[in-house]
Amino acid sequence: MADYLVTYDFKVGASSQYKEFVECAEAEGLLYVFHGTKQLHRLTNTTLWGVFTSTEEAKKAFDRAKAAAEGKVGRKIVLEKRAITLLSAWSILSDTKKSPETKWTKSTKFETCRAHQKNDPFFAY
């Protein structure tokens, strides 16, 4: 298992498609809160990360999230661009960052990010 970064663009449509997509992506293991060395960071808009066995598995998770979001918004979401890459060496700068809170700290960095993304109003989408 390794960390993968996914960045994407949708064709402009209903503004809710992004919020709906992010909610569906979280269920598929793609998050917008990233655990750096010591702090949690909100990634740039339309960028997510997750832990997968391969690029293909990350792509499948993204595609499942997109299909689920289309069901929620009631129309097709047009994917214009997507890049998926193994996240091995990274540098991050985010104006939305903070140390993990104990009440949402879990056994892995991924689960800690997921708990903060779902519960911490600081990281609300």
N, C-alpha and C. Protein backbone atom coordinates (compact mmCIF):
# COMPACT_ATOMS: atom_id res chain seq x y z
N MET A 1 0.85 -1.18 0.00
CA MET A 1 0.00 0.00 0.00
C MET A 1 0.90 1.24 0.00
N ALA A 2 0.46 2.23 -0.78
CA ALA A 2 1.23 3.46 -0.90
C ALA A 2 0.29 4.65 -1.02
N ASP A 3 0.81 5.83 -0.78
CA ASP A 3 0.04 7.06 -0.90
C ASP A 3 0.02 7.50 -2.36
N TYR A 4 -1.19 7.87 -2.83
CA TYR A 4 -1.37 8.37 -4.20
C TYR A 4 -2.04 9.73 -4.15
N LEU A 5 -1.63 10.61 -5.02
CA LEU A 5 -2.22 11.94 -5.17
C LEU A 5 -3.03 11.96 -6.45
N VAL A 6 -4.23 12.52 -6.36
CA VAL A 6 -5.12 12.63 -7.51
C VAL A 6 -5.51 14.10 -7.65
N THR A 7 -5.29 14.65 -8.82
CA THR A 7 -5.76 16.00 -9.11
C THR A 7 -6.65 15.93 -10.35
N TYR A 8 -7.69 16.75 -10.39
CA TYR A 8 -8.70 16.60 -11.42
C TYR A 8 -9.39 17.93 -11.71
N ASP A 9 -10.03 18.00 -12.87
CA ASP A 9 -10.90 19.12 -13.23
C ASP A 9 -12.19 18.54 -13.80
N PHE A 10 -13.30 19.09 -13.37
CA PHE A 10 -14.60 18.77 -13.95
C PHE A 10 -15.02 19.93 -14.84
N LYS A 11 -15.80 19.63 -15.86
CA LYS A 11 -16.40 20.70 -16.66
C LYS A 11 -17.31 21.49 -15.74
N VAL A 12 -17.30 22.78 -15.90
CA VAL A 12 -18.11 23.64 -15.03
C VAL A 12 -19.57 23.23 -15.12
N GLY A 13 -20.17 23.06 -13.98
CA GLY A 13 -21.58 22.67 -13.89
C GLY A 13 -22.13 23.20 -12.58
N ALA A 14 -23.09 22.49 -12.05
CA ALA A 14 -23.66 22.89 -10.77
C ALA A 14 -22.56 22.91 -9.71
N SER A 15 -22.53 23.96 -8.91
CA SER A 15 -21.46 24.08 -7.92
C SER A 15 -21.48 22.94 -6.92
N SER A 16 -22.63 22.31 -6.72
CA SER A 16 -22.71 21.24 -5.73
C SER A 16 -21.98 19.98 -6.19
N GLN A 17 -21.65 19.87 -7.47
CA GLN A 17 -21.00 18.64 -7.93
C GLN A 17 -19.68 18.41 -7.21
N TYR A 18 -18.96 19.46 -6.85
CA TYR A 18 -17.69 19.30 -6.15
C TYR A 18 -17.91 18.81 -4.72
N LYS A 19 -18.83 19.43 -4.03
CA LYS A 19 -19.12 19.02 -2.65
C LYS A 19 -19.64 17.58 -2.64
N GLU A 20 -20.55 17.27 -3.51
CA GLU A 20 -21.09 15.91 -3.58
C GLU A 20 -19.98 14.92 -3.93
N PHE A 21 -19.12 15.30 -4.88
CA PHE A 21 -18.03 14.41 -5.26
C PHE A 21 -17.09 14.16 -4.09
N VAL A 22 -16.72 15.21 -3.38
CA VAL A 22 -15.80 15.06 -2.25
C VAL A 22 -16.39 14.13 -1.20
N GLU A 23 -17.69 14.23 -0.95
CA GLU A 23 -18.34 13.33 0.02
C GLU A 23 -18.27 11.89 -0.47
N CYS A 24 -18.51 11.67 -1.74
CA CYS A 24 -18.45 10.31 -2.30
C CYS A 24 -17.01 9.81 -2.36
N ALA A 25 -16.07 10.70 -2.63
CA ALA A 25 -14.66 10.33 -2.69
C ALA A 25 -14.16 9.87 -1.31
N GLU A 26 -14.61 10.53 -0.27
CA GLU A 26 -14.20 10.13 1.08
C GLU A 26 -14.61 8.69 1.35
N ALA A 27 -15.78 8.31 0.94
CA ALA A 27 -16.25 6.94 1.13
C ALA A 27 -15.40 5.93 0.36
N GLU A 28 -14.72 6.40 -0.68
CA GLU A 28 -13.86 5.53 -1.49
C GLU A 28 -12.39 5.62 -1.08
N GLY A 29 -12.12 6.36 -0.02
CA GLY A 29 -10.74 6.44 0.47
C GLY A 29 -9.91 7.55 -0.12
N LEU A 30 -10.55 8.60 -0.64
CA LEU A 30 -9.86 9.76 -1.18
C LEU A 30 -10.20 10.98 -0.32
N LEU A 31 -9.18 11.64 0.21
CA LEU A 31 -9.37 12.73 1.16
C LEU A 31 -8.72 14.02 0.68
N TYR A 32 -9.22 15.16 1.21
CA TYR A 32 -8.59 16.44 0.92
C TYR A 32 -7.79 16.95 2.11
N VAL A 33 -7.81 16.25 3.22
CA VAL A 33 -6.97 16.57 4.37
C VAL A 33 -5.77 15.62 4.33
N PHE A 34 -4.56 16.17 4.35
CA PHE A 34 -3.33 15.40 4.22
C PHE A 34 -2.50 15.53 5.50
N HIS A 35 -1.93 14.43 5.96
CA HIS A 35 -1.09 14.42 7.16
C HIS A 35 0.35 14.63 6.77
N GLY A 36 0.86 15.81 7.05
CA GLY A 36 2.27 16.09 6.81
C GLY A 36 3.12 15.50 7.93
N THR A 37 4.31 16.00 8.08
CA THR A 37 5.21 15.48 9.09
C THR A 37 4.63 15.64 10.49
N LYS A 38 4.12 16.83 10.79
CA LYS A 38 3.58 17.08 12.12
C LYS A 38 2.18 17.67 12.10
N GLN A 39 1.77 18.22 10.97
CA GLN A 39 0.49 18.90 10.89
C GLN A 39 -0.39 18.31 9.80
N LEU A 40 -1.70 18.60 9.95
CA LEU A 40 -2.67 18.26 8.92
C LEU A 40 -2.80 19.47 8.00
N HIS A 41 -2.94 19.22 6.71
CA HIS A 41 -3.04 20.29 5.72
C HIS A 41 -4.25 20.05 4.84
N ARG A 42 -4.95 21.11 4.50
CA ARG A 42 -6.00 20.99 3.50
C ARG A 42 -5.34 21.13 2.14
N LEU A 43 -5.54 20.14 1.28
CA LEU A 43 -4.96 20.19 -0.05
C LEU A 43 -5.66 21.23 -0.92
N THR A 44 -5.04 21.57 -2.03
CA THR A 44 -5.64 22.52 -2.96
C THR A 44 -6.96 21.97 -3.50
N ASN A 45 -7.81 22.87 -3.96
CA ASN A 45 -9.10 22.44 -4.52
C ASN A 45 -8.85 21.45 -5.65
N THR A 46 -9.71 20.49 -5.76
CA THR A 46 -9.68 19.42 -6.76
C THR A 46 -8.41 18.58 -6.69
N THR A 47 -7.89 18.41 -5.49
CA THR A 47 -6.76 17.52 -5.23
C THR A 47 -7.11 16.65 -4.03
N LEU A 48 -6.89 15.35 -4.18
CA LEU A 48 -7.20 14.39 -3.12
C LEU A 48 -6.02 13.43 -2.99
N TRP A 49 -6.01 12.67 -1.92
CA TRP A 49 -4.99 11.64 -1.74
C TRP A 49 -5.64 10.43 -1.08
N GLY A 50 -4.98 9.29 -1.23
CA GLY A 50 -5.46 8.07 -0.60
C GLY A 50 -4.38 7.01 -0.58
N VAL A 51 -4.65 5.93 0.11
CA VAL A 51 -3.71 4.82 0.24
C VAL A 51 -4.26 3.65 -0.57
N PHE A 52 -3.51 3.23 -1.60
CA PHE A 52 -3.97 2.18 -2.51
C PHE A 52 -2.82 1.24 -2.85
N THR A 53 -3.17 0.12 -3.43
CA THR A 53 -2.16 -0.86 -3.84
C THR A 53 -1.53 -0.52 -5.18
N SER A 54 -2.21 0.32 -5.99
CA SER A 54 -1.69 0.66 -7.32
C SER A 54 -2.39 1.90 -7.85
N THR A 55 -1.82 2.45 -8.91
CA THR A 55 -2.45 3.57 -9.61
C THR A 55 -3.83 3.16 -10.12
N GLU A 56 -3.94 1.94 -10.62
CA GLU A 56 -5.21 1.45 -11.14
C GLU A 56 -6.28 1.40 -10.06
N GLU A 57 -5.91 1.00 -8.85
CA GLU A 57 -6.88 0.97 -7.74
C GLU A 57 -7.31 2.38 -7.35
N ALA A 58 -6.38 3.33 -7.38
CA ALA A 58 -6.73 4.73 -7.11
C ALA A 58 -7.69 5.25 -8.17
N LYS A 59 -7.44 4.91 -9.43
CA LYS A 59 -8.32 5.31 -10.54
C LYS A 59 -9.71 4.73 -10.36
N LYS A 60 -9.79 3.46 -10.00
CA LYS A 60 -11.09 2.81 -9.79
C LYS A 60 -11.85 3.47 -8.65
N ALA A 61 -11.16 3.82 -7.57
CA ALA A 61 -11.81 4.50 -6.45
C ALA A 61 -12.36 5.86 -6.89
N PHE A 62 -11.57 6.60 -7.67
CA PHE A 62 -12.01 7.89 -8.19
C PHE A 62 -13.25 7.70 -9.06
N ASP A 63 -13.21 6.73 -9.96
CA ASP A 63 -14.33 6.49 -10.88
C ASP A 63 -15.60 6.09 -10.12
N ARG A 64 -15.45 5.28 -9.07
CA ARG A 64 -16.63 4.91 -8.26
C ARG A 64 -17.20 6.14 -7.55
N ALA A 65 -16.33 6.99 -7.04
CA ALA A 65 -16.79 8.22 -6.38
C ALA A 65 -17.52 9.13 -7.37
N LYS A 66 -16.99 9.25 -8.57
CA LYS A 66 -17.63 10.09 -9.59
C LYS A 66 -19.02 9.54 -9.94
N ALA A 67 -19.12 8.24 -10.12
CA ALA A 67 -20.41 7.61 -10.44
C ALA A 67 -21.42 7.83 -9.30
N ALA A 68 -20.97 7.70 -8.08
CA ALA A 68 -21.87 7.91 -6.93
C ALA A 68 -22.31 9.37 -6.86
N ALA A 69 -21.39 10.31 -7.13
CA ALA A 69 -21.73 11.73 -7.11
C ALA A 69 -22.73 12.06 -8.21
N GLU A 70 -22.57 11.43 -9.37
CA GLU A 70 -23.53 11.65 -10.47
C GLU A 70 -24.93 11.22 -10.03
N GLY A 71 -25.01 10.13 -9.28
CA GLY A 71 -26.31 9.70 -8.76
C GLY A 71 -26.90 10.71 -7.80
N LYS A 72 -26.05 11.33 -6.99
CA LYS A 72 -26.53 12.32 -6.03
C LYS A 72 -26.98 13.61 -6.68
N VAL A 73 -26.24 14.07 -7.71
CA VAL A 73 -26.60 15.34 -8.35
C VAL A 73 -27.60 15.14 -9.48
N GLY A 74 -27.82 13.89 -9.88
CA GLY A 74 -28.84 13.60 -10.89
C GLY A 74 -28.44 13.92 -12.32
N ARG A 75 -27.15 13.94 -12.61
CA ARG A 75 -26.69 14.19 -13.97
C ARG A 75 -25.24 13.74 -14.10
N LYS A 76 -24.78 13.66 -15.32
CA LYS A 76 -23.40 13.26 -15.60
C LYS A 76 -22.45 14.39 -15.22
N ILE A 77 -21.36 14.02 -14.59
CA ILE A 77 -20.28 14.97 -14.29
C ILE A 77 -19.18 14.71 -15.31
N VAL A 78 -18.81 15.73 -16.06
CA VAL A 78 -17.82 15.56 -17.12
C VAL A 78 -16.42 15.79 -16.55
N LEU A 79 -15.61 14.75 -16.60
CA LEU A 79 -14.22 14.83 -16.17
C LEU A 79 -13.38 15.34 -17.34
N GLU A 80 -12.75 16.50 -17.16
CA GLU A 80 -11.93 17.07 -18.23
C GLU A 80 -10.47 16.65 -18.11
N LYS A 81 -9.95 16.58 -16.88
CA LYS A 81 -8.56 16.23 -16.66
C LYS A 81 -8.44 15.45 -15.35
N ARG A 82 -7.45 14.55 -15.34
CA ARG A 82 -7.14 13.85 -14.09
C ARG A 82 -5.70 13.39 -14.17
N ALA A 83 -4.97 13.55 -13.08
CA ALA A 83 -3.62 13.01 -12.97
C ALA A 83 -3.54 12.25 -11.65
N ILE A 84 -2.98 11.06 -11.71
CA ILE A 84 -2.81 10.23 -10.52
C ILE A 84 -1.33 9.88 -10.45
N THR A 85 -0.73 10.11 -9.29
CA THR A 85 0.69 9.82 -9.16
C THR A 85 1.01 9.27 -7.78
N LEU A 86 2.01 8.44 -7.73
CA LEU A 86 2.52 7.93 -6.48
C LEU A 86 3.11 9.09 -5.70
N LEU A 87 2.78 9.20 -4.46
CA LEU A 87 3.22 10.32 -3.62
C LEU A 87 4.41 9.85 -2.79
N SER A 88 5.60 9.96 -3.36
CA SER A 88 6.77 9.46 -2.65
C SER A 88 7.59 10.60 -2.03
N ALA A 89 7.85 11.62 -2.78
CA ALA A 89 8.55 12.80 -2.27
C ALA A 89 7.60 13.97 -2.42
N TRP A 90 7.40 14.73 -1.39
CA TRP A 90 6.41 15.79 -1.46
C TRP A 90 6.86 17.01 -0.67
N SER A 91 6.27 18.12 -1.02
CA SER A 91 6.40 19.37 -0.29
C SER A 91 5.02 20.01 -0.33
N ILE A 92 4.57 20.51 0.78
CA ILE A 92 3.23 21.08 0.82
C ILE A 92 3.25 22.43 1.52
N LEU A 93 2.48 23.34 0.98
CA LEU A 93 2.24 24.64 1.59
C LEU A 93 0.74 24.84 1.57
N SER A 94 0.16 25.05 2.73
CA SER A 94 -1.28 25.26 2.82
C SER A 94 -1.55 26.32 3.87
N ASP A 95 -2.46 27.23 3.56
CA ASP A 95 -2.84 28.24 4.54
C ASP A 95 -3.87 27.68 5.52
N THR A 96 -4.33 26.46 5.29
CA THR A 96 -5.28 25.80 6.19
C THR A 96 -4.58 24.57 6.74
N LYS A 97 -4.01 24.72 7.94
CA LYS A 97 -3.26 23.63 8.55
C LYS A 97 -3.34 23.76 10.07
N LYS A 98 -3.17 22.63 10.74
CA LYS A 98 -3.16 22.62 12.19
C LYS A 98 -2.65 21.27 12.67
N SER A 99 -2.29 21.21 13.92
CA SER A 99 -1.87 19.94 14.51
C SER A 99 -3.10 19.06 14.71
N PRO A 100 -2.93 17.74 14.62
CA PRO A 100 -4.05 16.83 14.85
C PRO A 100 -4.59 16.99 16.27
N GLU A 101 -5.90 16.93 16.39
CA GLU A 101 -6.52 16.96 17.72
C GLU A 101 -6.64 15.53 18.25
N THR A 102 -6.36 15.37 19.51
CA THR A 102 -6.36 14.04 20.13
C THR A 102 -7.66 13.30 19.92
N LYS A 103 -8.80 13.99 20.02
CA LYS A 103 -10.09 13.30 19.90
C LYS A 103 -10.32 12.71 18.51
N TRP A 104 -9.57 13.19 17.50
CA TRP A 104 -9.74 12.66 16.14
C TRP A 104 -8.47 11.96 15.65
N THR A 105 -7.53 11.72 16.56
CA THR A 105 -6.30 11.01 16.18
C THR A 105 -6.57 9.51 16.25
N LYS A 106 -6.27 8.84 15.16
CA LYS A 106 -6.54 7.40 15.03
C LYS A 106 -5.22 6.63 14.87
N SER A 107 -5.30 5.36 14.57
CA SER A 107 -4.12 4.50 14.53
C SER A 107 -3.24 4.72 13.29
N THR A 108 -3.77 5.31 12.22
CA THR A 108 -2.96 5.60 11.03
C THR A 108 -3.12 7.07 10.65
N LYS A 109 -2.18 7.56 9.88
CA LYS A 109 -2.29 8.95 9.40
C LYS A 109 -3.53 9.12 8.53
N PHE A 110 -3.82 8.11 7.69
CA PHE A 110 -4.99 8.20 6.83
C PHE A 110 -6.27 8.32 7.66
N GLU A 111 -6.44 7.46 8.65
CA GLU A 111 -7.66 7.50 9.47
C GLU A 111 -7.74 8.77 10.31
N THR A 112 -6.60 9.31 10.71
CA THR A 112 -6.58 10.59 11.41
C THR A 112 -7.07 11.70 10.48
N CYS A 113 -6.59 11.70 9.24
CA CYS A 113 -7.05 12.69 8.26
C CYS A 113 -8.55 12.54 8.00
N ARG A 114 -9.00 11.30 7.83
CA ARG A 114 -10.42 11.04 7.58
C ARG A 114 -11.28 11.57 8.74
N ALA A 115 -10.88 11.30 9.97
CA ALA A 115 -11.65 11.76 11.13
C ALA A 115 -11.70 13.27 11.20
N HIS A 116 -10.60 13.93 10.91
CA HIS A 116 -10.60 15.40 10.91
C HIS A 116 -11.45 15.95 9.76
N GLN A 117 -11.34 15.34 8.58
CA GLN A 117 -12.13 15.81 7.44
C GLN A 117 -13.62 15.68 7.72
N LYS A 118 -14.03 14.61 8.36
CA LYS A 118 -15.45 14.37 8.60
C LYS A 118 -15.99 15.15 9.80
N ASN A 119 -15.14 15.43 10.80
CA ASN A 119 -15.64 15.97 12.07
C ASN A 119 -15.15 17.35 12.46
N ASP A 120 -14.00 17.75 11.98
CA ASP A 120 -13.39 18.99 12.42
C ASP A 120 -13.90 20.16 11.57
N PRO A 121 -14.65 21.09 12.17
CA PRO A 121 -15.19 22.22 11.40
C PRO A 121 -14.08 23.06 10.74
N PHE A 122 -12.88 23.01 11.26
CA PHE A 122 -11.75 23.74 10.68
C PHE A 122 -11.49 23.32 9.24
N PHE A 123 -11.72 22.05 8.93
CA PHE A 123 -11.46 21.51 7.59
C PHE A 123 -12.73 21.34 6.75
N ALA A 124 -13.83 21.93 7.17
CA ALA A 124 -15.09 21.76 6.45
C ALA A 124 -14.95 22.20 5.00
N TYR A 125 -15.53 21.41 4.10
CA TYR A 125 -15.47 21.71 2.67
C TYR A 125 -16.40 22.83 2.42
